Amino acid sequence: MKQSSKCALGGIVAALSLVMMISVAIIPFLTYALPAAAGMLIVFMVVETDKKWAFGVYCAVAILGMLLVPDKEVAVMYLAFFGYYPIIKAVFEAKLNVVIGWILKVLTFASTMVVSYALMMRFMGVTIDETEEFGAMAIPILLGTGTLAFIMYDIAMTKMITLYMMRWQKHFKRYFK
């Protein structure tokens, strides 16, 4: 792929990612789904270009997201995890065996979520409303539920990558040479 095609693809992925994250202002109940979907777009950069280009697009979207996205929790979720996860996933799956890869993926998710929410609570005033209802058990329950959702996200991403490479990539290559 030529440099100009890589740049065009990066611009398209960045624009679509930002539109998804900004649209949380219109569809507020997708606070977690939209940054996850925006992160899935980075997969195209990883597959079609390389990890360096994907990381560049992630950085551009993360910076613009922090400036433009009205719901900062969405921007932080993209910045803290969903934006770079496809790049990390590619590295873990290429270099490690399956069990160690899954352990590292889950640990990466859990530690990132704990740190990002601690920082958001401390500096941005974000609260976890469930702590009032469930007390001290709210955080482990939320982390466990989030981990299950993350595992489903990872499996869905793997299936999307497989489908793309088997069916759509040949059509895609016609437009970006």
C-alpha atoms as a PDB file:
ATOM      1  CA  MET A   1       0.000   0.000   0.000  1.00  0.00           C
ATOM      2  CA  LYS A   2       1.330   3.433  -0.962  1.00  0.00           C
ATOM      3  CA  GLN A   3       1.970   6.109   1.642  1.00  0.00           C
ATOM      4  CA  SER A   4      -0.882   8.236   0.297  1.00  0.00           C
ATOM      5  CA  SER A   5      -3.287   5.298   0.652  1.00  0.00           C
ATOM      6  CA  LYS A   6      -2.117   4.661   4.202  1.00  0.00           C
ATOM      7  CA  CYS A   7      -2.651   8.325   5.039  1.00  0.00           C
ATOM      8  CA  ALA A   8      -6.119   8.307   3.454  1.00  0.00           C
ATOM      9  CA  LEU A   9      -7.110   5.145   5.308  1.00  0.00           C
ATOM     10  CA  GLY A  10      -5.813   6.636   8.554  1.00  0.00           C
ATOM     11  CA  GLY A  11      -7.852   9.780   7.993  1.00  0.00           C
ATOM     12  CA  ILE A  12     -10.998   7.776   7.276  1.00  0.00           C
ATOM     13  CA  VAL A  13     -10.527   5.583  10.357  1.00  0.00           C
ATOM     14  CA  ALA A  14      -9.794   8.617  12.541  1.00  0.00           C
ATOM     15  CA  ALA A  15     -12.826  10.525  11.258  1.00  0.00           C
ATOM     16  CA  LEU A  16     -15.191   7.576  11.728  1.00  0.00           C
ATOM     17  CA  SER A  17     -13.811   6.943  15.213  1.00  0.00           C
ATOM     18  CA  LEU A  18     -14.352  10.555  16.234  1.00  0.00           C
ATOM     19  CA  VAL A  19     -17.873  10.621  14.797  1.00  0.00           C
ATOM     20  CA  MET A  20     -18.718   7.484  16.783  1.00  0.00           C
ATOM     21  CA  MET A  21     -17.408   8.949  20.011  1.00  0.00           C
ATOM     22  CA  ILE A  22     -19.019  12.357  19.488  1.00  0.00           C
ATOM     23  CA  SER A  23     -22.366  10.697  18.751  1.00  0.00           C
ATOM     24  CA  VAL A  24     -22.586   9.632  22.399  1.00  0.00           C
ATOM     25  CA  ALA A  25     -24.030  13.117  22.937  1.00  0.00           C
ATOM     26  CA  ILE A  26     -27.028  11.999  20.862  1.00  0.00           C
ATOM     27  CA  ILE A  27     -27.122   8.375  22.053  1.00  0.00           C
ATOM     28  CA  PRO A  28     -25.956   8.588  25.710  1.00  0.00           C
ATOM     29  CA  PHE A  29     -26.697   4.974  26.661  1.00  0.00           C
ATOM     30  CA  LEU A  30     -23.840   3.797  24.390  1.00  0.00           C
ATOM     31  CA  THR A  31     -21.132   5.248  26.634  1.00  0.00           C
ATOM     32  CA  TYR A  32     -19.098   2.026  26.546  1.00  0.00           C
ATOM     33  CA  ALA A  33     -20.175   0.596  23.194  1.00  0.00           C
ATOM     34  CA  LEU A  34     -19.151   3.569  21.059  1.00  0.00           C
ATOM     35  CA  PRO A  35     -15.501   3.790  22.198  1.00  0.00           C
ATOM     36  CA  ALA A  36     -15.322  -0.010  21.813  1.00  0.00           C
ATOM     37  CA  ALA A  37     -16.669   0.255  18.266  1.00  0.00           C
ATOM     38  CA  ALA A  38     -14.296   3.121  17.523  1.00  0.00           C
ATOM     39  CA  GLY A  39     -11.447   0.952  18.773  1.00  0.00           C
ATOM     40  CA  MET A  40     -12.483  -1.840  16.406  1.00  0.00           C
ATOM     41  CA  LEU A  41     -11.815   0.497  13.500  1.00  0.00           C
ATOM     42  CA  ILE A  42      -8.128   0.517  14.439  1.00  0.00           C
ATOM     43  CA  VAL A  43      -8.105  -3.142  13.366  1.00  0.00           C
ATOM     44  CA  PHE A  44      -8.204  -2.015   9.730  1.00  0.00           C
ATOM     45  CA  MET A  45      -5.042   0.000  10.268  1.00  0.00           C
ATOM     46  CA  VAL A  46      -3.284  -2.943  11.926  1.00  0.00           C
ATOM     47  CA  VAL A  47      -4.296  -5.365   9.159  1.00  0.00           C
ATOM     48  CA  GLU A  48      -3.818  -3.102   6.134  1.00  0.00           C
ATOM     49  CA  THR A  49      -0.803  -1.040   7.160  1.00  0.00           C
ATOM     50  CA  ASP A  50       1.128  -1.903  10.311  1.00  0.00           C
ATOM     51  CA  LYS A  51       1.218  -1.256  14.036  1.00  0.00           C
ATOM     52  CA  LYS A  52       3.079   2.055  13.672  1.00  0.00           C
ATOM     53  CA  TRP A  53       0.384   3.560  11.466  1.00  0.00           C
ATOM     54  CA  ALA A  54      -2.308   2.161  13.734  1.00  0.00           C
ATOM     55  CA  PHE A  55      -0.614   3.734  16.747  1.00  0.00           C
ATOM     56  CA  GLY A  56      -0.418   7.085  14.950  1.00  0.00           C
ATOM     57  CA  VAL A  57      -4.142   6.999  14.196  1.00  0.00           C
ATOM     58  CA  TYR A  58      -4.849   5.992  17.801  1.00  0.00           C
ATOM     59  CA  CYS A  59      -2.833   8.973  19.078  1.00  0.00           C
ATOM     60  CA  ALA A  60      -4.600  11.393  16.724  1.00  0.00           C
ATOM     61  CA  VAL A  61      -8.055  10.131  17.714  1.00  0.00           C
ATOM     62  CA  ALA A  62      -7.160  10.107  21.416  1.00  0.00           C
ATOM     63  CA  ILE A  63      -5.968  13.719  21.350  1.00  0.00           C
ATOM     64  CA  LEU A  64      -8.879  14.951  19.243  1.00  0.00           C
ATOM     65  CA  GLY A  65     -11.286  12.913  21.354  1.00  0.00           C
ATOM     66  CA  MET A  66     -10.120  14.563  24.563  1.00  0.00           C
ATOM     67  CA  LEU A  67     -10.625  17.956  22.909  1.00  0.00           C
ATOM     68  CA  LEU A  68     -13.866  17.384  20.984  1.00  0.00           C
ATOM     69  CA  VAL A  69     -15.910  14.616  22.611  1.00  0.00           C
ATOM     70  CA  PRO A  70     -18.446  16.123  25.022  1.00  0.00           C
ATOM     71  CA  ASP A  71     -18.563  13.073  27.320  1.00  0.00           C
ATOM     72  CA  LYS A  72     -15.031  12.838  28.714  1.00  0.00           C
ATOM     73  CA  GLU A  73     -15.669   9.350  30.080  1.00  0.00           C
ATOM     74  CA  VAL A  74     -16.001   8.138  26.478  1.00  0.00           C
ATOM     75  CA  ALA A  75     -12.784   9.877  25.470  1.00  0.00           C
ATOM     76  CA  VAL A  76     -10.927   8.432  28.466  1.00  0.00           C
ATOM     77  CA  MET A  77     -12.189   4.897  27.744  1.00  0.00           C
ATOM     78  CA  TYR A  78     -10.867   5.201  24.190  1.00  0.00           C
ATOM     79  CA  LEU A  79      -7.589   6.732  25.337  1.00  0.00           C
ATOM     80  CA  ALA A  80      -7.066   4.316  28.222  1.00  0.00           C
ATOM     81  CA  PHE A  81      -7.991   1.043  26.541  1.00  0.00           C
ATOM     82  CA  PHE A  82     -10.187   0.643  23.476  1.00  0.00           C
ATOM     83  CA  GLY A  83      -8.029   2.701  21.134  1.00  0.00           C
ATOM     84  CA  TYR A  84      -4.786   0.822  21.572  1.00  0.00           C
ATOM     85  CA  TYR A  85      -6.225  -2.611  22.379  1.00  0.00           C
ATOM     86  CA  PRO A  86      -6.295  -3.852  18.745  1.00  0.00           C
ATOM     87  CA  ILE A  87      -2.568  -3.119  18.518  1.00  0.00           C
ATOM     88  CA  ILE A  88      -1.837  -4.941  21.798  1.00  0.00           C
ATOM     89  CA  LYS A  89      -4.069  -7.820  20.695  1.00  0.00           C
ATOM     90  CA  ALA A  90      -2.068  -8.223  17.495  1.00  0.00           C
ATOM     91  CA  VAL A  91       1.198  -8.317  19.455  1.00  0.00           C
ATOM     92  CA  PHE A  92      -0.086 -10.773  22.098  1.00  0.00           C
ATOM     93  CA  GLU A  93      -1.572 -13.142  19.541  1.00  0.00           C
ATOM     94  CA  ALA A  94       1.484 -13.078  17.281  1.00  0.00           C
ATOM     95  CA  LYS A  95       4.141 -13.546  19.951  1.00  0.00           C
ATOM     96  CA  LEU A  96       2.557 -15.525  22.822  1.00  0.00           C
ATOM     97  CA  ASN A  97       0.755 -18.809  23.252  1.00  0.00           C
ATOM     98  CA  VAL A  98      -3.010 -18.708  23.707  1.00  0.00           C
ATOM     99  CA  VAL A  99      -3.192 -19.123  27.497  1.00  0.00           C
ATOM    100  CA  ILE A 100      -0.535 -16.556  28.344  1.00  0.00           C
ATOM    101  CA  GLY A 101      -2.027 -14.212  25.753  1.00  0.00           C
ATOM    102  CA  TRP A 102      -5.480 -14.410  27.363  1.00  0.00           C
ATOM    103  CA  ILE A 103      -4.052 -13.923  30.846  1.00  0.00           C
ATOM    104  CA  LEU A 104      -2.181 -10.811  29.710  1.00  0.00           C
ATOM    105  CA  LYS A 105      -5.212  -9.473  27.825  1.00  0.00           C
ATOM    106  CA  VAL A 106      -7.485  -9.821  30.872  1.00  0.00           C
ATOM    107  CA  LEU A 107      -4.855  -8.340  33.194  1.00  0.00           C
ATOM    108  CA  THR A 108      -4.347  -5.433  30.802  1.00  0.00           C
ATOM    109  CA  PHE A 109      -8.096  -4.786  30.695  1.00  0.00           C
ATOM    110  CA  ALA A 110      -8.618  -5.045  34.459  1.00  0.00           C
ATOM    111  CA  SER A 111      -5.640  -2.893  35.414  1.00  0.00           C
ATOM    112  CA  THR A 112      -6.482  -0.271  32.803  1.00  0.00           C
ATOM    113  CA  MET A 113     -10.096  -0.037  33.951  1.00  0.00           C
ATOM    114  CA  VAL A 114      -9.168   0.241  37.628  1.00  0.00           C
ATOM    115  CA  VAL A 115      -6.543   2.923  36.995  1.00  0.00           C
ATOM    116  CA  SER A 116      -8.643   4.914  34.521  1.00  0.00           C
ATOM    117  CA  TYR A 117     -11.707   4.949  36.782  1.00  0.00           C
ATOM    118  CA  ALA A 118      -9.601   5.864  39.796  1.00  0.00           C
ATOM    119  CA  LEU A 119      -8.143   8.776  37.852  1.00  0.00           C
ATOM    120  CA  MET A 120     -11.555   9.844  36.508  1.00  0.00           C
ATOM    121  CA  MET A 121     -13.024   9.746  40.017  1.00  0.00           C
ATOM    122  CA  ARG A 122     -10.132  11.717  41.420  1.00  0.00           C
ATOM    123  CA  PHE A 123      -9.668  14.385  38.742  1.00  0.00           C
ATOM    124  CA  MET A 124     -12.877  14.507  36.701  1.00  0.00           C
ATOM    125  CA  GLY A 125     -15.531  13.993  39.352  1.00  0.00           C
ATOM    126  CA  VAL A 126     -16.914  10.796  37.779  1.00  0.00           C
ATOM    127  CA  THR A 127     -18.773   8.692  40.327  1.00  0.00           C
ATOM    128  CA  ILE A 128     -19.788   5.044  40.365  1.00  0.00           C
ATOM    129  CA  ASP A 129     -23.468   5.246  41.230  1.00  0.00           C
ATOM    130  CA  GLU A 130     -23.710   1.510  41.967  1.00  0.00           C
ATOM    131  CA  THR A 131     -21.581   1.888  45.120  1.00  0.00           C
ATOM    132  CA  GLU A 132     -24.533   3.528  46.868  1.00  0.00           C
ATOM    133  CA  GLU A 133     -26.784   0.572  46.088  1.00  0.00           C
ATOM    134  CA  PHE A 134     -24.365  -2.361  46.422  1.00  0.00           C
ATOM    135  CA  GLY A 135     -21.746  -0.966  48.791  1.00  0.00           C
ATOM    136  CA  ALA A 136     -18.206  -2.327  48.777  1.00  0.00           C
ATOM    137  CA  MET A 137     -19.140  -5.232  46.479  1.00  0.00           C
ATOM    138  CA  ALA A 138     -20.044  -2.891  43.622  1.00  0.00           C
ATOM    139  CA  ILE A 139     -16.523  -2.501  42.270  1.00  0.00           C
ATOM    140  CA  PRO A 140     -15.665  -6.254  42.115  1.00  0.00           C
ATOM    141  CA  ILE A 141     -19.078  -6.967  40.560  1.00  0.00           C
ATOM    142  CA  LEU A 142     -18.602  -4.238  37.971  1.00  0.00           C
ATOM    143  CA  LEU A 143     -15.049  -5.375  37.215  1.00  0.00           C
ATOM    144  CA  GLY A 144     -16.186  -8.994  36.844  1.00  0.00           C
ATOM    145  CA  THR A 145     -19.045  -8.020  34.563  1.00  0.00           C
ATOM    146  CA  GLY A 146     -16.727  -5.763  32.597  1.00  0.00           C
ATOM    147  CA  THR A 147     -14.218  -8.588  32.215  1.00  0.00           C
ATOM    148  CA  LEU A 148     -16.916 -10.872  30.796  1.00  0.00           C
ATOM    149  CA  ALA A 149     -17.948  -8.124  28.384  1.00  0.00           C
ATOM    150  CA  PHE A 150     -14.285  -7.651  27.439  1.00  0.00           C
ATOM    151  CA  ILE A 151     -13.904 -11.371  26.669  1.00  0.00           C
ATOM    152  CA  MET A 152     -16.953 -11.201  24.388  1.00  0.00           C
ATOM    153  CA  TYR A 153     -15.486  -8.055  22.786  1.00  0.00           C
ATOM    154  CA  ASP A 154     -12.201  -9.830  22.118  1.00  0.00           C
ATOM    155  CA  ILE A 155     -13.935 -12.859  20.604  1.00  0.00           C
ATOM    156  CA  ALA A 156     -16.124 -10.592  18.436  1.00  0.00           C
ATOM    157  CA  MET A 157     -13.034  -8.689  17.299  1.00  0.00           C
ATOM    158  CA  THR A 158     -11.302 -11.948  16.358  1.00  0.00           C
ATOM    159  CA  LYS A 159     -14.343 -13.055  14.358  1.00  0.00           C
ATOM    160  CA  MET A 160     -14.559  -9.654  12.658  1.00  0.00           C
ATOM    161  CA  ILE A 161     -10.879  -9.819  11.688  1.00  0.00           C
ATOM    162  CA  THR A 162     -11.324 -13.335  10.300  1.00  0.00           C
ATOM    163  CA  LEU A 163     -14.417 -12.335   8.316  1.00  0.00           C
ATOM    164  CA  TYR A 164     -12.666  -9.260   6.965  1.00  0.00           C
ATOM    165  CA  MET A 165      -9.581 -11.171   5.865  1.00  0.00           C
ATOM    166  CA  MET A 166     -11.538 -14.010   4.283  1.00  0.00           C
ATOM    167  CA  ARG A 167     -14.317 -12.066   2.517  1.00  0.00           C
ATOM    168  CA  TRP A 168     -13.846  -8.321   2.396  1.00  0.00           C
ATOM    169  CA  GLN A 169     -10.118  -7.687   2.155  1.00  0.00           C
ATOM    170  CA  LYS A 170      -9.925  -8.477  -1.573  1.00  0.00           C
ATOM    171  CA  HIS A 171     -12.685  -5.912  -2.269  1.00  0.00           C
ATOM    172  CA  PHE A 172     -11.022  -3.380   0.002  1.00  0.00           C
ATOM    173  CA  LYS A 173      -7.674  -3.729  -1.797  1.00  0.00           C
ATOM    174  CA  ARG A 174      -9.244  -2.466  -5.027  1.00  0.00           C
ATOM    175  CA  TYR A 175      -9.866   0.947  -3.476  1.00  0.00           C
ATOM    176  CA  PHE A 176      -6.616   1.350  -1.543  1.00  0.00           C
ATOM    177  CA  LYS A 177      -3.612   0.345  -3.635  1.00  0.00           C
END
